[in-house]
Amino acid sequence: MAKHKSKPKPSLPARLIERMLTPVRWVWRWVLRAALIVAVIVSATVAVHAYLDPPRTLYMSQEASRLSGIDHQWVPIDEMAEAMPRSLVAAEDANFCLHWGFDMNAIRTALEDGAGRGASTLSQQVVKNVYLWHGRSWSRKALEALITPLVETFWSKQRILEVYLNVAEFGEGVFGVEAASRHYFGTGPENLNEQQAGLLAAILPNPKERSASKPSNFVRKRARQVRDGAATIRRDGRAACFED
């Protein structure tokens, strides 16, 4: 009867290598598990915010602490004048209805023109405002790139605009279109006309240096461009994803 040959014992160098790799493998497994847990938590949070309003943002909390309070009140998009979301899209992201969170044409143009030109879509700006922090850094941009597709997956285009218009800064301590419309024009967002909506959109993205109620020549010119752009995207169908 043939005897089974026993497996040869690993050599001493092989055993030493195996011992050194064991903690590395253990750490790597836990890193993967932690990354999976974080991914699940982030995805669940984004999914929930498709229906529940997100809490006060980090930047809003910082400004509230600095200014001893801010002016902010959440308002649903169906309680805003239609001109407001349309003006925002015309001012900040005219192809909002045509992309999935990243405007590749704008990114290519920005790369060709250099760093002086931005290419962030409204979806990316919402991610930055709601979930991340202000300031330029590769880490923030990387996280923004990871979370933006989740927002586009779980939120409707209308929801993205609603959240943006409720967390955007429109002035010193003035956050959201409800506070902005009353601060600058003494009226609610449901009563904004096309001129007022254009002015509010025109003060972005430098609301601390621009005023909608006392517009400079630049802001007036910009507001006219926004109104023209809003009329254009309404005619050509680029407002259909959030108006129909």
C-alpha atoms as a PDB file:
ATOM      1  CA  MET A   1       0.000   0.000   0.000  1.00  0.00           C
ATOM      2  CA  ALA A   2       1.485   3.294  -1.080  1.00  0.00           C
ATOM      3  CA  LYS A   3       2.260   5.784   1.619  1.00  0.00           C
ATOM      4  CA  HIS A   4       1.065   9.378   1.268  1.00  0.00           C
ATOM      5  CA  LYS A   5       3.921  11.765   1.086  1.00  0.00           C
ATOM      6  CA  SER A   6       3.702  14.485   3.727  1.00  0.00           C
ATOM      7  CA  LYS A   7       3.856  18.065   2.502  1.00  0.00           C
ATOM      8  CA  PRO A   8       7.245  19.578   2.971  1.00  0.00           C
ATOM      9  CA  LYS A   9       7.426  22.223   5.651  1.00  0.00           C
ATOM     10  CA  PRO A  10       7.927  25.747   4.348  1.00  0.00           C
ATOM     11  CA  SER A  11      11.437  27.008   4.598  1.00  0.00           C
ATOM     12  CA  LEU A  12      12.428  29.465   7.298  1.00  0.00           C
ATOM     13  CA  PRO A  13      12.422  32.521   4.948  1.00  0.00           C
ATOM     14  CA  ALA A  14       8.948  31.581   3.705  1.00  0.00           C
ATOM     15  CA  ARG A  15       7.672  31.295   7.285  1.00  0.00           C
ATOM     16  CA  LEU A  16       9.160  34.676   8.140  1.00  0.00           C
ATOM     17  CA  ILE A  17       7.536  36.285   5.089  1.00  0.00           C
ATOM     18  CA  GLU A  18       4.171  34.733   6.007  1.00  0.00           C
ATOM     19  CA  ARG A  19       4.433  36.105   9.544  1.00  0.00           C
ATOM     20  CA  MET A  20       5.211  39.571   8.228  1.00  0.00           C
ATOM     21  CA  LEU A  21       2.314  39.490   5.772  1.00  0.00           C
ATOM     22  CA  THR A  22      -0.250  38.341   8.322  1.00  0.00           C
ATOM     23  CA  PRO A  23      -0.702  41.746  10.044  1.00  0.00           C
ATOM     24  CA  VAL A  24      -0.651  43.500   6.656  1.00  0.00           C
ATOM     25  CA  ARG A  25      -3.490  41.298   5.434  1.00  0.00           C
ATOM     26  CA  TRP A  26      -5.393  41.896   8.690  1.00  0.00           C
ATOM     27  CA  VAL A  27      -5.034  45.676   8.341  1.00  0.00           C
ATOM     28  CA  TRP A  28      -6.013  45.544   4.676  1.00  0.00           C
ATOM     29  CA  ARG A  29      -9.164  43.532   5.464  1.00  0.00           C
ATOM     30  CA  TRP A  30     -10.218  46.065   8.084  1.00  0.00           C
ATOM     31  CA  VAL A  31      -9.464  48.982   5.763  1.00  0.00           C
ATOM     32  CA  LEU A  32     -11.735  47.431   3.138  1.00  0.00           C
ATOM     33  CA  ARG A  33     -14.443  46.805   5.719  1.00  0.00           C
ATOM     34  CA  ALA A  34     -14.208  50.375   7.006  1.00  0.00           C
ATOM     35  CA  ALA A  35     -14.376  51.741   3.454  1.00  0.00           C
ATOM     36  CA  LEU A  36     -17.444  49.609   2.756  1.00  0.00           C
ATOM     37  CA  ILE A  37     -19.142  50.815   5.939  1.00  0.00           C
ATOM     38  CA  VAL A  38     -18.404  54.458   5.079  1.00  0.00           C
ATOM     39  CA  ALA A  39     -19.700  53.943   1.535  1.00  0.00           C
ATOM     40  CA  VAL A  40     -22.935  52.440   2.848  1.00  0.00           C
ATOM     41  CA  ILE A  41     -23.420  55.264   5.371  1.00  0.00           C
ATOM     42  CA  VAL A  42     -22.763  57.971   2.767  1.00  0.00           C
ATOM     43  CA  SER A  43     -25.056  56.327   0.214  1.00  0.00           C
ATOM     44  CA  ALA A  44     -27.829  55.924   2.781  1.00  0.00           C
ATOM     45  CA  THR A  45     -27.466  59.553   3.903  1.00  0.00           C
ATOM     46  CA  VAL A  46     -27.674  60.861   0.343  1.00  0.00           C
ATOM     47  CA  ALA A  47     -30.674  58.612  -0.366  1.00  0.00           C
ATOM     48  CA  VAL A  48     -32.501  59.866   2.735  1.00  0.00           C
ATOM     49  CA  HIS A  49     -31.920  63.477   1.742  1.00  0.00           C
ATOM     50  CA  ALA A  50     -33.831  62.870  -1.449  1.00  0.00           C
ATOM     51  CA  TYR A  51     -36.911  63.129   0.793  1.00  0.00           C
ATOM     52  CA  LEU A  52     -35.784  64.691   4.086  1.00  0.00           C
ATOM     53  CA  ASP A  53     -34.177  68.128   4.174  1.00  0.00           C
ATOM     54  CA  PRO A  54     -30.481  68.005   5.141  1.00  0.00           C
ATOM     55  CA  PRO A  55     -29.425  69.670   8.390  1.00  0.00           C
ATOM     56  CA  ARG A  56     -27.579  72.973   8.623  1.00  0.00           C
ATOM     57  CA  THR A  57     -24.402  72.787   6.581  1.00  0.00           C
ATOM     58  CA  LEU A  58     -20.882  73.063   7.992  1.00  0.00           C
ATOM     59  CA  TYR A  59     -20.375  76.469   6.391  1.00  0.00           C
ATOM     60  CA  MET A  60     -23.716  77.752   7.691  1.00  0.00           C
ATOM     61  CA  SER A  61     -22.751  76.622  11.194  1.00  0.00           C
ATOM     62  CA  GLN A  62     -19.408  78.377  10.906  1.00  0.00           C
ATOM     63  CA  GLU A  63     -21.054  81.601   9.757  1.00  0.00           C
ATOM     64  CA  ALA A  64     -23.712  81.342  12.475  1.00  0.00           C
ATOM     65  CA  SER A  65     -20.943  81.084  15.050  1.00  0.00           C
ATOM     66  CA  ARG A  66     -18.991  83.973  13.540  1.00  0.00           C
ATOM     67  CA  LEU A  67     -22.004  86.264  13.157  1.00  0.00           C
ATOM     68  CA  SER A  68     -23.932  85.087  16.225  1.00  0.00           C
ATOM     69  CA  GLY A  69     -26.722  83.835  13.985  1.00  0.00           C
ATOM     70  CA  ILE A  70     -27.834  83.631  10.373  1.00  0.00           C
ATOM     71  CA  ASP A  71     -31.047  84.274   8.450  1.00  0.00           C
ATOM     72  CA  HIS A  72     -32.305  81.008   6.986  1.00  0.00           C
ATOM     73  CA  GLN A  73     -35.634  79.279   6.442  1.00  0.00           C
ATOM     74  CA  TRP A  74     -36.291  76.252   4.259  1.00  0.00           C
ATOM     75  CA  VAL A  75     -38.883  76.592   1.514  1.00  0.00           C
ATOM     76  CA  PRO A  76     -40.066  73.884  -0.947  1.00  0.00           C
ATOM     77  CA  ILE A  77     -39.362  74.506  -4.610  1.00  0.00           C
ATOM     78  CA  ASP A  78     -43.075  74.560  -5.453  1.00  0.00           C
ATOM     79  CA  GLU A  79     -43.358  77.626  -3.200  1.00  0.00           C
ATOM     80  CA  MET A  80     -40.770  79.514  -5.250  1.00  0.00           C
ATOM     81  CA  ALA A  81     -41.541  81.537  -8.351  1.00  0.00           C
ATOM     82  CA  GLU A  82     -40.688  79.486 -11.455  1.00  0.00           C
ATOM     83  CA  ALA A  83     -38.326  82.235 -12.549  1.00  0.00           C
ATOM     84  CA  MET A  84     -35.955  81.528  -9.642  1.00  0.00           C
ATOM     85  CA  PRO A  85     -34.792  77.974 -10.438  1.00  0.00           C
ATOM     86  CA  ARG A  86     -34.706  78.839 -14.128  1.00  0.00           C
ATOM     87  CA  SER A  87     -32.544  81.898 -13.465  1.00  0.00           C
ATOM     88  CA  LEU A  88     -30.201  79.874 -11.262  1.00  0.00           C
ATOM     89  CA  VAL A  89     -29.674  77.263 -13.970  1.00  0.00           C
ATOM     90  CA  ALA A  90     -29.141  79.955 -16.618  1.00  0.00           C
ATOM     91  CA  ALA A  91     -26.548  81.654 -14.417  1.00  0.00           C
ATOM     92  CA  GLU A  92     -24.641  78.671 -13.059  1.00  0.00           C
ATOM     93  CA  ASP A  93     -25.199  75.584 -15.210  1.00  0.00           C
ATOM     94  CA  ALA A  94     -27.142  76.038 -18.454  1.00  0.00           C
ATOM     95  CA  ASN A  95     -26.701  72.353 -19.384  1.00  0.00           C
ATOM     96  CA  PHE A  96     -27.999  71.149 -16.021  1.00  0.00           C
ATOM     97  CA  CYS A  97     -30.684  68.988 -17.652  1.00  0.00           C
ATOM     98  CA  LEU A  98     -28.235  67.450 -20.120  1.00  0.00           C
ATOM     99  CA  HIS A  99     -25.518  66.046 -17.838  1.00  0.00           C
ATOM    100  CA  TRP A 100     -25.265  63.430 -15.079  1.00  0.00           C
ATOM    101  CA  GLY A 101     -23.451  65.628 -12.582  1.00  0.00           C
ATOM    102  CA  PHE A 102     -20.334  66.502 -14.575  1.00  0.00           C
ATOM    103  CA  ASP A 103     -20.345  68.764 -17.626  1.00  0.00           C
ATOM    104  CA  MET A 104     -17.539  67.209 -19.662  1.00  0.00           C
ATOM    105  CA  ASN A 105     -17.578  69.993 -22.270  1.00  0.00           C
ATOM    106  CA  ALA A 106     -17.180  72.619 -19.547  1.00  0.00           C
ATOM    107  CA  ILE A 107     -14.380  70.602 -17.945  1.00  0.00           C
ATOM    108  CA  ARG A 108     -12.505  70.365 -21.256  1.00  0.00           C
ATOM    109  CA  THR A 109     -12.943  74.103 -21.807  1.00  0.00           C
ATOM    110  CA  ALA A 110     -11.714  74.832 -18.274  1.00  0.00           C
ATOM    111  CA  LEU A 111      -8.608  72.710 -18.842  1.00  0.00           C
ATOM    112  CA  GLU A 112      -7.895  74.507 -22.097  1.00  0.00           C
ATOM    113  CA  ASP A 113      -8.406  77.946 -20.520  1.00  0.00           C
ATOM    114  CA  GLY A 114      -6.423  77.195 -17.373  1.00  0.00           C
ATOM    115  CA  ALA A 115      -7.333  77.383 -13.683  1.00  0.00           C
ATOM    116  CA  GLY A 116      -9.050  80.754 -13.951  1.00  0.00           C
ATOM    117  CA  ARG A 117     -12.269  79.242 -15.221  1.00  0.00           C
ATOM    118  CA  GLY A 118     -14.538  77.010 -13.127  1.00  0.00           C
ATOM    119  CA  ALA A 119     -16.457  73.983 -14.372  1.00  0.00           C
ATOM    120  CA  SER A 120     -18.451  72.869 -11.329  1.00  0.00           C
ATOM    121  CA  THR A 121     -22.045  71.939 -12.043  1.00  0.00           C
ATOM    122  CA  LEU A 122     -24.939  72.703  -9.727  1.00  0.00           C
ATOM    123  CA  SER A 123     -24.847  69.067  -8.614  1.00  0.00           C
ATOM    124  CA  GLN A 124     -21.200  69.385  -7.605  1.00  0.00           C
ATOM    125  CA  GLN A 125     -21.881  72.654  -5.805  1.00  0.00           C
ATOM    126  CA  VAL A 126     -24.726  71.054  -3.849  1.00  0.00           C
ATOM    127  CA  VAL A 127     -22.418  68.236  -2.764  1.00  0.00           C
ATOM    128  CA  LYS A 128     -19.789  70.746  -1.639  1.00  0.00           C
ATOM    129  CA  ASN A 129     -22.285  72.925   0.228  1.00  0.00           C
ATOM    130  CA  VAL A 130     -24.252  70.137   1.923  1.00  0.00           C
ATOM    131  CA  TYR A 131     -21.680  67.441   2.649  1.00  0.00           C
ATOM    132  CA  LEU A 132     -18.198  68.923   2.431  1.00  0.00           C
ATOM    133  CA  TRP A 133     -16.340  72.145   3.166  1.00  0.00           C
ATOM    134  CA  HIS A 134     -15.393  75.300   1.294  1.00  0.00           C
ATOM    135  CA  GLY A 135     -11.910  75.896   0.011  1.00  0.00           C
ATOM    136  CA  ARG A 136      -9.730  74.444  -2.715  1.00  0.00           C
ATOM    137  CA  SER A 137      -8.115  71.080  -2.047  1.00  0.00           C
ATOM    138  CA  TRP A 138      -7.631  67.835  -3.936  1.00  0.00           C
ATOM    139  CA  SER A 139      -9.169  65.841  -1.088  1.00  0.00           C
ATOM    140  CA  ARG A 140     -12.401  67.849  -1.250  1.00  0.00           C
ATOM    141  CA  LYS A 141     -12.544  67.592  -5.031  1.00  0.00           C
ATOM    142  CA  ALA A 142     -12.000  63.828  -4.824  1.00  0.00           C
ATOM    143  CA  LEU A 143     -14.828  63.389  -2.319  1.00  0.00           C
ATOM    144  CA  GLU A 144     -17.013  65.697  -4.408  1.00  0.00           C
ATOM    145  CA  ALA A 145     -16.377  63.516  -7.457  1.00  0.00           C
ATOM    146  CA  LEU A 146     -17.361  60.399  -5.511  1.00  0.00           C
ATOM    147  CA  ILE A 147     -20.552  61.800  -3.963  1.00  0.00           C
ATOM    148  CA  THR A 148     -21.904  63.703  -6.986  1.00  0.00           C
ATOM    149  CA  PRO A 149     -22.980  60.539  -8.881  1.00  0.00           C
ATOM    150  CA  LEU A 150     -24.855  59.406  -5.750  1.00  0.00           C
ATOM    151  CA  VAL A 151     -26.769  62.692  -5.648  1.00  0.00           C
ATOM    152  CA  GLU A 152     -27.601  62.384  -9.347  1.00  0.00           C
ATOM    153  CA  THR A 153     -28.738  58.783  -8.774  1.00  0.00           C
ATOM    154  CA  PHE A 154     -30.953  59.305  -5.739  1.00  0.00           C
ATOM    155  CA  TRP A 155     -32.199  62.878  -6.226  1.00  0.00           C
ATOM    156  CA  SER A 156     -34.324  64.306  -8.975  1.00  0.00           C
ATOM    157  CA  LYS A 157     -33.051  67.355 -10.853  1.00  0.00           C
ATOM    158  CA  GLN A 158     -35.786  69.372  -9.178  1.00  0.00           C
ATOM    159  CA  ARG A 159     -34.608  68.196  -5.758  1.00  0.00           C
ATOM    160  CA  ILE A 160     -31.036  69.243  -6.537  1.00  0.00           C
ATOM    161  CA  LEU A 161     -32.225  72.759  -7.354  1.00  0.00           C
ATOM    162  CA  GLU A 162     -34.454  72.869  -4.286  1.00  0.00           C
ATOM    163  CA  VAL A 163     -31.586  71.986  -1.963  1.00  0.00           C
ATOM    164  CA  TYR A 164     -29.199  74.370  -3.706  1.00  0.00           C
ATOM    165  CA  LEU A 165     -31.609  77.289  -3.423  1.00  0.00           C
ATOM    166  CA  ASN A 166     -32.111  76.574   0.274  1.00  0.00           C
ATOM    167  CA  VAL A 167     -28.456  76.361   1.304  1.00  0.00           C
ATOM    168  CA  ALA A 168     -26.759  78.849  -1.038  1.00  0.00           C
ATOM    169  CA  GLU A 169     -25.291  82.002   0.507  1.00  0.00           C
ATOM    170  CA  PHE A 170     -26.896  85.169  -0.860  1.00  0.00           C
ATOM    171  CA  GLY A 171     -25.265  87.686   1.449  1.00  0.00           C
ATOM    172  CA  GLU A 172     -23.596  88.177   4.822  1.00  0.00           C
ATOM    173  CA  GLY A 173     -25.480  85.730   7.031  1.00  0.00           C
ATOM    174  CA  VAL A 174     -28.248  85.338   4.424  1.00  0.00           C
ATOM    175  CA  PHE A 175     -28.795  81.742   3.334  1.00  0.00           C
ATOM    176  CA  GLY A 176     -31.441  80.373   1.013  1.00  0.00           C
ATOM    177  CA  VAL A 177     -33.837  82.055  -1.366  1.00  0.00           C
ATOM    178  CA  GLU A 178     -36.500  82.616   1.309  1.00  0.00           C
ATOM    179  CA  ALA A 179     -34.187  84.796   3.391  1.00  0.00           C
ATOM    180  CA  ALA A 180     -32.646  86.393   0.278  1.00  0.00           C
ATOM    181  CA  SER A 181     -35.941  87.457  -1.314  1.00  0.00           C
ATOM    182  CA  ARG A 182     -37.108  89.102   1.922  1.00  0.00           C
ATOM    183  CA  HIS A 183     -33.700  90.612   2.662  1.00  0.00           C
ATOM    184  CA  TYR A 184     -33.283  92.256  -0.747  1.00  0.00           C
ATOM    185  CA  PHE A 185     -36.847  92.816  -1.957  1.00  0.00           C
ATOM    186  CA  GLY A 186     -39.113  92.537   1.086  1.00  0.00           C
ATOM    187  CA  THR A 187     -41.183  89.768  -0.456  1.00  0.00           C
ATOM    188  CA  GLY A 188     -41.459  86.000  -0.362  1.00  0.00           C
ATOM    189  CA  PRO A 189     -39.789  83.727  -2.953  1.00  0.00           C
ATOM    190  CA  GLU A 190     -43.194  82.882  -4.427  1.00  0.00           C
ATOM    191  CA  ASN A 191     -43.588  86.524  -5.533  1.00  0.00           C
ATOM    192  CA  LEU A 192     -40.226  87.022  -7.227  1.00  0.00           C
ATOM    193  CA  ASN A 193     -40.474  88.354 -10.758  1.00  0.00           C
ATOM    194  CA  GLU A 194     -38.003  87.598 -13.546  1.00  0.00           C
ATOM    195  CA  GLN A 195     -35.964  90.732 -12.879  1.00  0.00           C
ATOM    196  CA  GLN A 196     -35.620  89.996  -9.154  1.00  0.00           C
ATOM    197  CA  ALA A 197     -34.806  86.329  -9.777  1.00  0.00           C
ATOM    198  CA  GLY A 198     -32.178  87.388 -12.297  1.00  0.00           C
ATOM    199  CA  LEU A 199     -30.596  89.751  -9.792  1.00  0.00           C
ATOM    200  CA  LEU A 200     -30.447  87.062  -7.101  1.00  0.00           C
ATOM    201  CA  ALA A 201     -28.810  84.652  -9.519  1.00  0.00           C
ATOM    202  CA  ALA A 202     -26.431  87.384 -10.689  1.00  0.00           C
ATOM    203  CA  ILE A 203     -24.902  87.939  -7.239  1.00  0.00           C
ATOM    204  CA  LEU A 204     -23.678  84.346  -7.186  1.00  0.00           C
ATOM    205  CA  PRO A 205     -20.971  83.222  -6.608  1.00  0.00           C
ATOM    206  CA  ASN A 206     -19.760  86.378  -4.792  1.00  0.00           C
ATOM    207  CA  PRO A 207     -22.760  87.371  -2.637  1.00  0.00           C
ATOM    208  CA  LYS A 208     -20.675  89.146  -0.015  1.00  0.00           C
ATOM    209  CA  GLU A 209     -19.310  91.543  -2.618  1.00  0.00           C
ATOM    210  CA  ARG A 210     -22.508  92.022  -4.653  1.00  0.00           C
ATOM    211  CA  SER A 211     -25.998  93.251  -3.857  1.00  0.00           C
ATOM    212  CA  ALA A 212     -29.304  92.399  -5.506  1.00  0.00           C
ATOM    213  CA  SER A 213     -31.107  95.441  -4.108  1.00  0.00           C
ATOM    214  CA  LYS A 214     -28.287  97.909  -4.865  1.00  0.00           C
ATOM    215  CA  PRO A 215     -26.762  96.308  -7.938  1.00  0.00           C
ATOM    216  CA  SER A 216     -23.571  97.583  -9.496  1.00  0.00           C
ATOM    217  CA  ASN A 217     -23.339  98.056 -13.243  1.00  0.00           C
ATOM    218  CA  PHE A 218     -21.725  94.629 -13.455  1.00  0.00           C
ATOM    219  CA  VAL A 219     -24.584  92.968 -11.535  1.00  0.00           C
ATOM    220  CA  ARG A 220     -27.194  94.751 -13.691  1.00  0.00           C
ATOM    221  CA  LYS A 221     -25.474  93.556 -16.858  1.00  0.00           C
ATOM    222  CA  ARG A 222     -25.106  90.064 -15.452  1.00  0.00           C
ATOM    223  CA  ALA A 223     -28.789  89.988 -14.448  1.00  0.00           C
ATOM    224  CA  ARG A 224     -29.817  90.918 -17.994  1.00  0.00           C
ATOM    225  CA  GLN A 225     -27.679  88.076 -19.323  1.00  0.00           C
ATOM    226  CA  VAL A 226     -29.292  85.704 -16.831  1.00  0.00           C
ATOM    227  CA  ARG A 227     -32.790  86.737 -17.889  1.00  0.00           C
ATOM    228  CA  ASP A 228     -31.915  86.209 -21.543  1.00  0.00           C
ATOM    229  CA  GLY A 229     -30.381  82.847 -20.716  1.00  0.00           C
ATOM    230  CA  ALA A 230     -33.420  81.810 -18.686  1.00  0.00           C
ATOM    231  CA  ALA A 231     -35.697  82.620 -21.616  1.00  0.00           C
ATOM    232  CA  THR A 232     -33.433  80.650 -23.940  1.00  0.00           C
ATOM    233  CA  ILE A 233     -33.322  77.440 -21.875  1.00  0.00           C
ATOM    234  CA  ARG A 234     -37.076  77.632 -21.458  1.00  0.00           C
ATOM    235  CA  ARG A 235     -37.561  77.819 -25.240  1.00  0.00           C
ATOM    236  CA  ASP A 236     -35.057  75.151 -26.223  1.00  0.00           C
ATOM    237  CA  GLY A 237     -36.131  72.608 -23.608  1.00  0.00           C
ATOM    238  CA  ARG A 238     -33.116  72.778 -21.289  1.00  0.00           C
ATOM    239  CA  ALA A 239     -35.422  73.618 -18.381  1.00  0.00           C
ATOM    240  CA  ALA A 240     -37.707  70.644 -18.959  1.00  0.00           C
ATOM    241  CA  CYS A 241     -36.098  68.347 -16.342  1.00  0.00           C
ATOM    242  CA  PHE A 242     -37.135  70.592 -13.453  1.00  0.00           C
ATOM    243  CA  GLU A 243     -40.192  72.423 -14.814  1.00  0.00           C
ATOM    244  CA  ASP A 244     -42.252  69.635 -16.445  1.00  0.00           C
END
